[in-house]
Amino acid sequence: MYDILNQRITFDPQVMSGQPCIRGLRVTVANILRMLAAHHDHFFILKAYPYLEEEDIDACLEYAAYLSTDHEVLTTA
């Protein structure tokens, strides 16, 4: 899984201020996740960004899952 993320999700200070992007393109992981959260399906996203691949969207979801397990959420009792 981590190989896929390394190939699909990139970080470059010169591209989108270093935000996680898809394959060095100016498409952020956050933007794709927002589109998914707004109930847009893969077909809609791929039509909006024809240079993306289905695996790019899957990598965004995998990256979000990875981040969610890496952080501790503090709650108040």
N, C-alpha and C. Protein backbone atom coordinates (compact mmCIF):
# COMPACT_ATOMS: atom_id res chain seq x y z
N MET A 1 0.81 -1.19 0.00
CA MET A 1 0.00 0.00 0.00
C MET A 1 0.86 1.26 0.00
N TYR A 2 1.91 1.29 0.79
CA TYR A 2 2.72 2.50 0.89
C TYR A 2 3.44 2.81 -0.41
N ASP A 3 3.75 1.80 -1.21
CA ASP A 3 4.35 2.05 -2.52
C ASP A 3 3.38 2.80 -3.41
N ILE A 4 2.11 2.41 -3.36
CA ILE A 4 1.09 3.10 -4.16
C ILE A 4 0.99 4.55 -3.73
N LEU A 5 0.99 4.79 -2.42
CA LEU A 5 0.90 6.16 -1.95
C LEU A 5 2.11 6.96 -2.37
N ASN A 6 3.29 6.37 -2.30
CA ASN A 6 4.50 7.08 -2.71
C ASN A 6 4.48 7.43 -4.19
N GLN A 7 3.88 6.59 -5.00
CA GLN A 7 3.81 6.84 -6.44
C GLN A 7 2.71 7.83 -6.79
N ARG A 8 1.61 7.79 -6.07
CA ARG A 8 0.42 8.58 -6.42
C ARG A 8 0.33 9.91 -5.68
N ILE A 9 0.74 9.94 -4.42
CA ILE A 9 0.62 11.13 -3.59
C ILE A 9 2.01 11.75 -3.44
N THR A 10 2.14 12.99 -3.87
CA THR A 10 3.45 13.65 -3.86
C THR A 10 3.39 14.95 -3.06
N PHE A 11 4.55 15.35 -2.60
CA PHE A 11 4.71 16.60 -1.85
C PHE A 11 5.85 17.38 -2.48
N ASP A 12 5.57 18.59 -2.90
CA ASP A 12 6.59 19.44 -3.52
C ASP A 12 6.31 20.88 -3.10
N PRO A 13 7.25 21.52 -2.43
CA PRO A 13 7.03 22.90 -1.99
C PRO A 13 6.71 23.84 -3.14
N GLN A 14 7.09 23.49 -4.35
CA GLN A 14 6.84 24.34 -5.51
C GLN A 14 5.46 24.10 -6.14
N VAL A 15 4.77 23.08 -5.68
CA VAL A 15 3.45 22.76 -6.24
C VAL A 15 2.41 22.86 -5.14
N MET A 16 1.48 23.77 -5.27
CA MET A 16 0.38 23.96 -4.31
C MET A 16 0.90 24.12 -2.88
N SER A 17 1.98 24.84 -2.74
CA SER A 17 2.57 25.16 -1.43
C SER A 17 2.91 23.93 -0.60
N GLY A 18 3.23 22.83 -1.28
CA GLY A 18 3.65 21.62 -0.58
C GLY A 18 2.51 20.74 -0.08
N GLN A 19 1.28 21.10 -0.40
CA GLN A 19 0.15 20.26 -0.01
C GLN A 19 0.25 18.91 -0.72
N PRO A 20 -0.29 17.85 -0.13
CA PRO A 20 -0.27 16.56 -0.82
C PRO A 20 -1.08 16.66 -2.11
N CYS A 21 -0.44 16.28 -3.20
CA CYS A 21 -1.05 16.35 -4.53
C CYS A 21 -1.01 14.98 -5.20
N ILE A 22 -1.74 14.88 -6.27
CA ILE A 22 -1.77 13.64 -7.04
C ILE A 22 -0.71 13.72 -8.12
N ARG A 23 0.26 12.83 -8.05
CA ARG A 23 1.33 12.66 -9.04
C ARG A 23 1.97 13.97 -9.48
N GLY A 24 2.17 14.90 -8.56
CA GLY A 24 2.84 16.15 -8.89
C GLY A 24 1.97 17.14 -9.65
N LEU A 25 0.74 16.78 -9.90
CA LEU A 25 -0.18 17.68 -10.59
C LEU A 25 -0.71 18.71 -9.61
N ARG A 26 -1.36 19.70 -10.11
CA ARG A 26 -1.91 20.74 -9.25
C ARG A 26 -3.32 20.38 -8.78
N VAL A 27 -3.49 19.14 -8.42
CA VAL A 27 -4.75 18.64 -7.87
C VAL A 27 -4.43 18.10 -6.48
N THR A 28 -5.00 18.74 -5.47
CA THR A 28 -4.69 18.33 -4.10
C THR A 28 -5.56 17.15 -3.67
N VAL A 29 -5.00 16.39 -2.76
CA VAL A 29 -5.74 15.29 -2.15
C VAL A 29 -6.99 15.84 -1.47
N ALA A 30 -6.85 16.96 -0.79
CA ALA A 30 -7.97 17.57 -0.08
C ALA A 30 -9.11 17.90 -1.03
N ASN A 31 -8.80 18.40 -2.21
CA ASN A 31 -9.85 18.75 -3.16
C ASN A 31 -10.62 17.51 -3.61
N ILE A 32 -9.91 16.43 -3.87
CA ILE A 32 -10.58 15.18 -4.27
C ILE A 32 -11.44 14.65 -3.12
N LEU A 33 -10.91 14.71 -1.90
CA LEU A 33 -11.68 14.24 -0.75
C LEU A 33 -12.92 15.10 -0.53
N ARG A 34 -12.81 16.40 -0.76
CA ARG A 34 -13.98 17.27 -0.65
C ARG A 34 -15.04 16.90 -1.68
N MET A 35 -14.59 16.59 -2.88
CA MET A 35 -15.54 16.19 -3.92
C MET A 35 -16.24 14.88 -3.55
N LEU A 36 -15.49 13.95 -3.01
CA LEU A 36 -16.10 12.69 -2.56
C LEU A 36 -17.07 12.93 -1.41
N ALA A 37 -16.70 13.80 -0.49
CA ALA A 37 -17.57 14.13 0.64
C ALA A 37 -18.86 14.81 0.18
N ALA A 38 -18.79 15.49 -0.95
CA ALA A 38 -19.97 16.14 -1.53
C ALA A 38 -20.79 15.16 -2.37
N HIS A 39 -20.45 13.89 -2.28
CA HIS A 39 -21.17 12.80 -2.96
C HIS A 39 -20.98 12.77 -4.47
N HIS A 40 -19.88 13.34 -4.95
CA HIS A 40 -19.55 13.19 -6.36
C HIS A 40 -18.91 11.81 -6.53
N ASP A 41 -19.30 11.11 -7.57
CA ASP A 41 -18.73 9.78 -7.79
C ASP A 41 -17.44 9.87 -8.60
N HIS A 42 -16.79 8.74 -8.74
CA HIS A 42 -15.51 8.69 -9.45
C HIS A 42 -15.66 9.19 -10.88
N PHE A 43 -16.76 8.82 -11.52
CA PHE A 43 -16.98 9.23 -12.91
C PHE A 43 -17.00 10.75 -13.02
N PHE A 44 -17.69 11.42 -12.10
CA PHE A 44 -17.76 12.89 -12.10
C PHE A 44 -16.37 13.50 -11.93
N ILE A 45 -15.61 12.96 -10.99
CA ILE A 45 -14.27 13.49 -10.72
C ILE A 45 -13.35 13.28 -11.92
N LEU A 46 -13.41 12.10 -12.51
CA LEU A 46 -12.55 11.81 -13.67
C LEU A 46 -12.95 12.66 -14.88
N LYS A 47 -14.21 13.01 -14.98
CA LYS A 47 -14.64 13.90 -16.06
C LYS A 47 -14.14 15.33 -15.82
N ALA A 48 -14.16 15.75 -14.55
CA ALA A 48 -13.68 17.09 -14.20
C ALA A 48 -12.16 17.20 -14.35
N TYR A 49 -11.46 16.10 -14.10
CA TYR A 49 -10.00 16.05 -14.20
C TYR A 49 -9.62 14.86 -15.09
N PRO A 50 -9.71 15.02 -16.40
CA PRO A 50 -9.49 13.88 -17.30
C PRO A 50 -8.09 13.28 -17.26
N TYR A 51 -7.13 13.99 -16.69
CA TYR A 51 -5.77 13.49 -16.60
C TYR A 51 -5.56 12.64 -15.35
N LEU A 52 -6.57 12.51 -14.51
CA LEU A 52 -6.49 11.62 -13.35
C LEU A 52 -6.90 10.21 -13.74
N GLU A 53 -6.52 9.28 -12.89
CA GLU A 53 -6.87 7.88 -13.09
C GLU A 53 -7.64 7.40 -11.86
N GLU A 54 -8.40 6.36 -12.04
CA GLU A 54 -9.19 5.78 -10.95
C GLU A 54 -8.31 5.49 -9.73
N GLU A 55 -7.11 5.01 -9.98
CA GLU A 55 -6.18 4.68 -8.89
C GLU A 55 -5.77 5.92 -8.09
N ASP A 56 -5.79 7.09 -8.73
CA ASP A 56 -5.47 8.33 -8.02
C ASP A 56 -6.51 8.62 -6.94
N ILE A 57 -7.77 8.42 -7.29
CA ILE A 57 -8.85 8.64 -6.32
C ILE A 57 -8.74 7.65 -5.17
N ASP A 58 -8.47 6.40 -5.50
CA ASP A 58 -8.29 5.38 -4.46
C ASP A 58 -7.11 5.73 -3.55
N ALA A 59 -6.04 6.26 -4.12
CA ALA A 59 -4.87 6.64 -3.33
C ALA A 59 -5.21 7.78 -2.37
N CYS A 60 -6.08 8.70 -2.78
CA CYS A 60 -6.50 9.77 -1.89
C CYS A 60 -7.23 9.21 -0.68
N LEU A 61 -8.10 8.24 -0.93
CA LEU A 61 -8.82 7.61 0.18
C LEU A 61 -7.88 6.83 1.09
N GLU A 62 -6.93 6.13 0.50
CA GLU A 62 -5.95 5.39 1.29
C GLU A 62 -5.12 6.34 2.14
N TYR A 63 -4.73 7.47 1.55
CA TYR A 63 -3.93 8.46 2.27
C TYR A 63 -4.73 9.03 3.45
N ALA A 64 -6.00 9.32 3.23
CA ALA A 64 -6.85 9.84 4.31
C ALA A 64 -6.99 8.80 5.41
N ALA A 65 -7.15 7.54 5.06
CA ALA A 65 -7.25 6.48 6.06
C ALA A 65 -5.95 6.36 6.85
N TYR A 66 -4.83 6.46 6.15
CA TYR A 66 -3.53 6.39 6.82
C TYR A 66 -3.40 7.54 7.82
N LEU A 67 -3.77 8.75 7.41
CA LEU A 67 -3.65 9.89 8.32
C LEU A 67 -4.58 9.75 9.51
N SER A 68 -5.73 9.17 9.31
CA SER A 68 -6.69 9.07 10.43
C SER A 68 -6.21 8.08 11.49
N THR A 69 -5.33 7.16 11.14
CA THR A 69 -4.81 6.23 12.13
C THR A 69 -3.54 6.75 12.77
N ASP A 70 -2.98 7.80 12.23
CA ASP A 70 -1.71 8.33 12.70
C ASP A 70 -1.88 9.42 13.75
N HIS A 71 -3.09 9.90 13.93
CA HIS A 71 -3.32 11.01 14.85
C HIS A 71 -4.27 10.60 15.95
N GLU A 72 -3.98 11.10 17.13
CA GLU A 72 -4.82 10.83 18.28
C GLU A 72 -5.81 11.99 18.42
N VAL A 73 -7.07 11.65 18.62
CA VAL A 73 -8.09 12.68 18.80
C VAL A 73 -8.33 12.85 20.28
N LEU A 74 -8.23 14.07 20.73
CA LEU A 74 -8.47 14.37 22.15
C LEU A 74 -9.93 14.76 22.32
N THR A 75 -10.57 14.19 23.29
CA THR A 75 -11.96 14.52 23.58
C THR A 75 -12.07 14.99 25.01
N THR A 76 -13.09 15.75 25.27
CA THR A 76 -13.33 16.18 26.64
C THR A 76 -14.43 15.33 27.23
N ALA A 77 -14.29 15.03 28.49
CA ALA A 77 -15.29 14.16 29.15
C ALA A 77 -16.43 14.96 29.72
